[in-house]
Each structure stands twice: as structure tokens, then as C-alpha cells.
Amino acid sequence: MDKIVIVGSSGHARVIIDIVEQQGRDQLVGLIDSFRPVGEQTMGYEVLGDEQALVGLSKTMGITGAIIGIGDNGIRQRVAQKLAALCPELRFVTAVHPSASVGRQSQIGPGTVVMAGACINPCSQVGQHCIINTRASLDHDSVVGDFASLAPGVVTGGNVHIGAHSAVGIGATILHGRKVGEHTVIGASATVIKDIPALTVAYGTPAKVVRTRQAGERYL
């Protein structure tokens, strides 16, 4: 059983704690957080230090893996890059809730979290450090790029392509074969019936582009 940490300690990290415990595959030894003092607890797990401290902790505690428990796609990317530079030997762990369904020949990248009741149908590809949230459904032959996220209740048809770093909001629907560009935000309950370009914000039924955005811009 490998020893791992979760980077972050807020609401998203709490959900990951629950998944790791239910998986029973890895031993969660604590949390890494730059904004809370050492020793504070979340769900019984202590903050061990910040990202810089992880360099020493990985050696003294035998930590071999990490999951980034940060919901914002841009921030999650920056933290992943920092950890990869500080601790290149550290493995990014995939967490899949036991109640999630992952179809045959689907691939899930390292650092990705698949939450309770989510469905990834066959022959789909989910990149690194993605979030497939509670009861989100990704249909067959679809692609989700690195650092992208599907919020709770998202539903897609088959052959959908969601670009890297993009975020699809709660309860949104993306029809079969549609493409969402990179660094794009789809609003809650939107219905995507045509392709949405990169670096935009789109919402409504049908979804329409309402403005452009910058890569890494906060959206949560």
C-alpha cells in the first residue's frame, strides 16, 4: 500500500479523502496546504506542511504519491507543475470512486479524480489531472483534455471533445459530436448544440458565447 498525500484541504479535498478511503488502495498520510498551519485537521488528517516541505516529507515519511485536491483547473495546473519540479519522483495518483462506472478501453490519466456515480463510457480518453464530478456522464469515444473538469450532473453525447483546461458547469449538456475548445467555460445548465471555440465563456440554452477569457482566469 503506497503512502500518499492530498494537496489542498478544502471541500474538493474532502471529497477526494472519501474516495481514497473507499478505494482502500493507498494509505493517505496527510494533507499539503500552503495556507493553513501544520497540525490543523480536515476529516481527521493533519496538514503536514506546504509544497516545499513535501520535498523532505517524501523522504522521511516514505510518501510516493499525491493527488491535487484543488477544484480550479488553472490553479491545479500550476500546483502540478510546481510539484513536478520540486519532487520529480513523486507519482500523481488517480482516484476513482467505487460507485463510478468506467467502460472498456477507456483511459484515465494520472492525477484525475472520478467521483461518486460518474460514468465514463467505452473508448473514451480522460487526460491528466481532470475532474469528473458527481454523477457526470461522459459517453462513448469522447475526449477530455488535461486539467479539464466536468461539474456534477454534466451529460455528454458520444464523440464529444472537451479541450484542455476547460470547465463544464453543473448540469450542462453537450450534444453528440460537439467540440469545446481549450480554456473555455460552459455555464451551469447550458445546452451545447454547436461547437464552442477556445478561450470563451458560453452559457444558455442553446449555449452562446458571451465573452472571451484568458487562460488561467479564475471562474469558481
Protein backbone atom coordinates (compact mmCIF):
# COMPACT_ATOMS: atom_id res chain seq x y z
CA MET A 1 0.00 0.00 0.00
CA ASP A 2 1.59 3.27 -1.14
CA LYS A 3 1.71 6.33 1.12
CA ILE A 4 0.12 9.38 -0.50
CA VAL A 5 -0.89 12.95 0.30
CA ILE A 6 -3.63 15.24 -0.94
CA VAL A 7 -2.51 18.74 -1.91
CA GLY A 8 -5.26 21.05 -0.66
CA SER A 9 -7.63 20.69 2.27
CA SER A 10 -10.92 22.40 1.37
CA GLY A 11 -14.21 20.99 0.06
CA HIS A 12 -12.80 19.32 -3.05
CA ALA A 13 -10.09 17.68 -0.96
CA ARG A 14 -12.75 16.31 1.41
CA VAL A 15 -14.40 14.51 -1.47
CA ILE A 16 -11.06 13.04 -2.53
CA ILE A 17 -10.38 11.89 1.03
CA ASP A 18 -13.64 9.94 0.91
CA ILE A 19 -12.73 8.37 -2.46
CA VAL A 20 -9.25 7.34 -1.29
CA GLU A 21 -10.68 5.77 1.85
CA GLN A 22 -13.33 3.86 -0.10
CA GLN A 23 -10.85 2.68 -2.71
CA GLY A 24 -8.67 1.24 0.03
CA ARG A 25 -5.72 1.07 -2.36
CA ASP A 26 -3.39 3.73 -0.93
CA GLN A 27 -2.62 4.96 2.58
CA LEU A 28 -3.43 8.65 2.99
CA VAL A 29 -0.91 10.04 5.46
CA GLY A 30 -1.91 13.71 5.47
CA LEU A 31 -2.51 16.95 3.61
CA ILE A 32 -0.29 19.56 1.98
CA ASP A 33 -1.55 23.14 2.21
CA SER A 34 0.30 26.45 1.90
CA PHE A 35 -2.44 28.46 3.63
CA ARG A 36 -3.04 26.51 6.85
CA PRO A 37 -0.74 25.85 9.81
CA VAL A 38 0.86 22.48 10.33
CA GLY A 39 -1.27 20.25 12.55
CA GLU A 40 -4.70 21.57 11.59
CA GLN A 41 -7.02 18.78 10.52
CA THR A 42 -9.57 18.01 7.84
CA MET A 43 -11.64 14.86 8.34
CA GLY A 44 -9.03 13.55 10.75
CA TYR A 45 -6.00 14.14 8.51
CA GLU A 46 -3.36 16.68 9.52
CA VAL A 47 -1.77 19.38 7.42
CA LEU A 48 1.86 18.28 7.16
CA GLY A 49 3.27 21.42 5.55
CA ASP A 50 3.40 23.25 2.24
CA GLU A 51 4.63 22.13 -1.20
CA GLN A 52 8.24 22.96 -0.37
CA ALA A 53 8.04 20.85 2.79
CA LEU A 54 6.88 17.89 0.71
CA VAL A 55 10.43 17.50 -0.62
CA GLY A 56 11.65 16.44 2.81
CA LEU A 57 8.44 14.73 3.87
CA SER A 58 8.51 12.42 0.89
CA LYS A 59 11.84 11.07 2.10
CA THR A 60 11.24 10.96 5.86
CA MET A 61 7.70 9.56 5.64
CA GLY A 62 8.10 7.43 2.54
CA ILE A 63 5.48 9.36 0.55
CA THR A 64 5.40 8.16 -3.05
CA GLY A 65 2.19 9.67 -4.47
CA ALA A 66 -0.05 12.73 -4.45
CA ILE A 67 -3.44 13.92 -5.65
CA ILE A 68 -4.12 17.63 -6.13
CA GLY A 69 -7.36 18.45 -4.32
CA ILE A 70 -7.94 21.86 -5.92
CA GLY A 71 -11.08 22.47 -7.97
CA ASP A 72 -9.92 25.36 -10.18
CA ASN A 73 -8.33 23.98 -13.34
CA GLY A 74 -5.74 26.72 -13.76
CA ILE A 75 -4.57 26.62 -10.15
CA ARG A 76 -4.44 22.82 -10.27
CA GLN A 77 -2.15 23.03 -13.29
CA ARG A 78 0.21 25.48 -11.61
CA VAL A 79 0.44 23.33 -8.49
CA ALA A 80 1.05 20.19 -10.58
CA GLN A 81 3.90 21.92 -12.42
CA LYS A 82 5.41 23.10 -9.13
CA LEU A 83 5.23 19.65 -7.56
CA ALA A 84 6.72 18.01 -10.66
CA ALA A 85 9.68 20.40 -10.43
CA LEU A 86 10.14 20.01 -6.66
CA CYS A 87 9.55 16.27 -6.42
CA PRO A 88 10.09 14.70 -9.86
CA GLU A 89 9.99 11.20 -8.36
CA LEU A 90 6.50 11.75 -6.90
CA ARG A 91 3.71 9.81 -8.64
CA PHE A 92 0.39 11.51 -9.35
CA VAL A 93 -2.37 9.17 -8.24
CA THR A 94 -5.71 8.53 -9.94
CA ALA A 95 -8.74 8.28 -7.65
CA VAL A 96 -11.92 6.58 -8.87
CA HIS A 97 -14.91 6.19 -6.55
CA PRO A 98 -16.09 2.56 -6.30
CA SER A 99 -19.58 3.58 -7.46
CA ALA A 100 -18.26 5.17 -10.68
CA SER A 101 -18.53 3.25 -13.95
CA VAL A 102 -15.57 3.18 -16.35
CA GLY A 103 -16.17 1.41 -19.66
CA ARG A 104 -13.89 -0.90 -21.57
CA GLN A 105 -10.91 0.60 -23.40
CA SER A 106 -11.36 3.93 -21.65
CA GLN A 107 -8.21 5.61 -20.38
CA ILE A 108 -7.84 7.88 -17.35
CA GLY A 109 -4.71 9.96 -16.89
CA PRO A 110 -2.65 10.32 -13.70
CA GLY A 111 -3.92 12.77 -11.11
CA THR A 112 -7.52 12.56 -12.35
CA VAL A 113 -10.42 12.18 -9.91
CA VAL A 114 -13.65 10.38 -10.84
CA MET A 115 -16.35 10.94 -8.25
CA ALA A 116 -19.35 9.01 -6.97
CA GLY A 117 -21.87 7.89 -9.57
CA ALA A 118 -19.88 9.23 -12.53
CA CYS A 119 -19.99 7.31 -15.80
CA ILE A 120 -17.22 7.15 -18.41
CA ASN A 121 -18.42 5.02 -21.28
CA PRO A 122 -16.23 2.81 -23.50
CA CYS A 123 -13.33 4.02 -25.64
CA SER A 124 -13.16 7.44 -24.01
CA GLN A 125 -9.99 9.26 -23.01
CA VAL A 126 -9.70 11.45 -19.93
CA GLY A 127 -6.45 13.35 -19.56
CA GLN A 128 -4.21 14.15 -16.63
CA HIS A 129 -5.42 15.98 -13.51
CA CYS A 130 -9.06 16.13 -14.66
CA ILE A 131 -12.20 16.14 -12.52
CA ILE A 132 -15.19 14.01 -13.50
CA ASN A 133 -17.55 15.13 -10.80
CA THR A 134 -20.52 13.54 -9.03
CA ARG A 135 -22.90 11.80 -11.47
CA ALA A 136 -21.29 13.37 -14.52
CA SER A 137 -21.68 11.25 -17.65
CA LEU A 138 -19.17 11.11 -20.49
CA ASP A 139 -20.45 8.99 -23.35
CA HIS A 140 -18.55 6.69 -25.71
CA ASP A 141 -15.49 7.71 -27.74
CA SER A 142 -15.23 11.09 -26.07
CA VAL A 143 -12.09 13.01 -25.10
CA VAL A 144 -11.45 15.26 -22.10
CA GLY A 145 -8.17 17.17 -22.27
CA ASP A 146 -5.66 17.60 -19.43
CA PHE A 147 -6.74 19.75 -16.46
CA ALA A 148 -10.36 19.93 -17.66
CA SER A 149 -13.39 19.37 -15.45
CA LEU A 150 -16.99 18.20 -15.69
CA ALA A 151 -19.10 19.52 -12.81
CA PRO A 152 -21.80 17.45 -11.06
CA GLY A 153 -24.58 16.26 -13.34
CA VAL A 154 -22.92 17.09 -16.67
CA VAL A 155 -24.18 14.91 -19.53
CA THR A 156 -22.44 14.48 -22.88
CA GLY A 157 -23.30 12.54 -26.00
CA GLY A 158 -20.75 10.33 -27.70
CA ASN A 159 -17.74 11.58 -29.66
CA VAL A 160 -17.58 14.80 -27.68
CA HIS A 161 -14.24 16.59 -27.38
CA ILE A 162 -13.58 18.89 -24.41
CA GLY A 163 -10.36 20.86 -24.66
CA ALA A 164 -7.62 21.02 -22.05
CA HIS A 165 -8.24 23.32 -19.07
CA SER A 166 -11.93 23.78 -19.92
CA ALA A 167 -14.68 23.64 -17.31
CA VAL A 168 -18.22 22.43 -17.95
CA GLY A 169 -20.65 23.75 -15.33
CA ILE A 170 -23.21 21.95 -13.18
CA GLY A 171 -25.95 20.19 -15.11
CA ALA A 172 -24.76 21.25 -18.56
CA THR A 173 -25.50 19.08 -21.60
CA ILE A 174 -23.23 18.67 -24.63
CA LEU A 175 -24.78 17.02 -27.66
CA HIS A 176 -23.21 14.20 -29.66
CA GLY A 177 -20.10 15.10 -31.63
CA ARG A 178 -19.71 18.65 -30.36
CA LYS A 179 -16.34 20.22 -29.53
CA VAL A 180 -15.47 22.63 -26.72
CA GLY A 181 -12.17 24.45 -27.19
CA GLU A 182 -9.33 24.78 -24.70
CA HIS A 183 -9.56 27.12 -21.68
CA THR A 184 -13.32 27.53 -22.19
CA VAL A 185 -16.05 27.72 -19.56
CA ILE A 186 -19.53 26.32 -20.19
CA GLY A 187 -22.09 27.73 -17.78
CA ALA A 188 -24.35 25.73 -15.48
CA SER A 189 -27.37 24.09 -17.16
CA ALA A 190 -26.21 25.19 -20.63
CA THR A 191 -27.06 23.10 -23.68
CA VAL A 192 -24.24 22.91 -26.19
CA ILE A 193 -25.68 22.17 -29.65
CA LYS A 194 -22.78 23.51 -31.72
CA ASP A 195 -19.01 23.75 -31.31
CA ILE A 196 -17.76 26.34 -28.80
CA PRO A 197 -14.37 27.96 -29.55
CA ALA A 198 -11.36 28.13 -27.26
CA LEU A 199 -10.84 30.88 -24.68
CA THR A 200 -14.52 31.79 -24.34
CA VAL A 201 -17.36 31.72 -21.83
CA ALA A 202 -20.65 30.30 -23.11
CA TYR A 203 -23.98 29.69 -21.42
CA GLY A 204 -27.70 29.42 -22.06
CA THR A 205 -29.98 27.07 -23.99
CA PRO A 206 -28.73 26.84 -26.64
CA ALA A 207 -25.30 27.84 -25.38
CA LYS A 208 -23.93 31.06 -26.86
CA VAL A 209 -20.53 32.70 -26.45
CA VAL A 210 -20.92 35.74 -24.20
CA ARG A 211 -17.29 36.83 -23.91
CA THR A 212 -13.68 35.80 -24.31
CA ARG A 213 -11.42 34.87 -21.41
CA GLN A 214 -7.75 34.49 -20.63
CA ALA A 215 -6.02 31.18 -20.00
CA GLY A 216 -5.89 30.58 -16.25
CA GLU A 217 -8.57 33.17 -15.44
CA ARG A 218 -10.49 32.32 -12.25
CA TYR A 219 -14.00 31.04 -12.80
CA LEU A 220 -15.04 29.43 -9.50
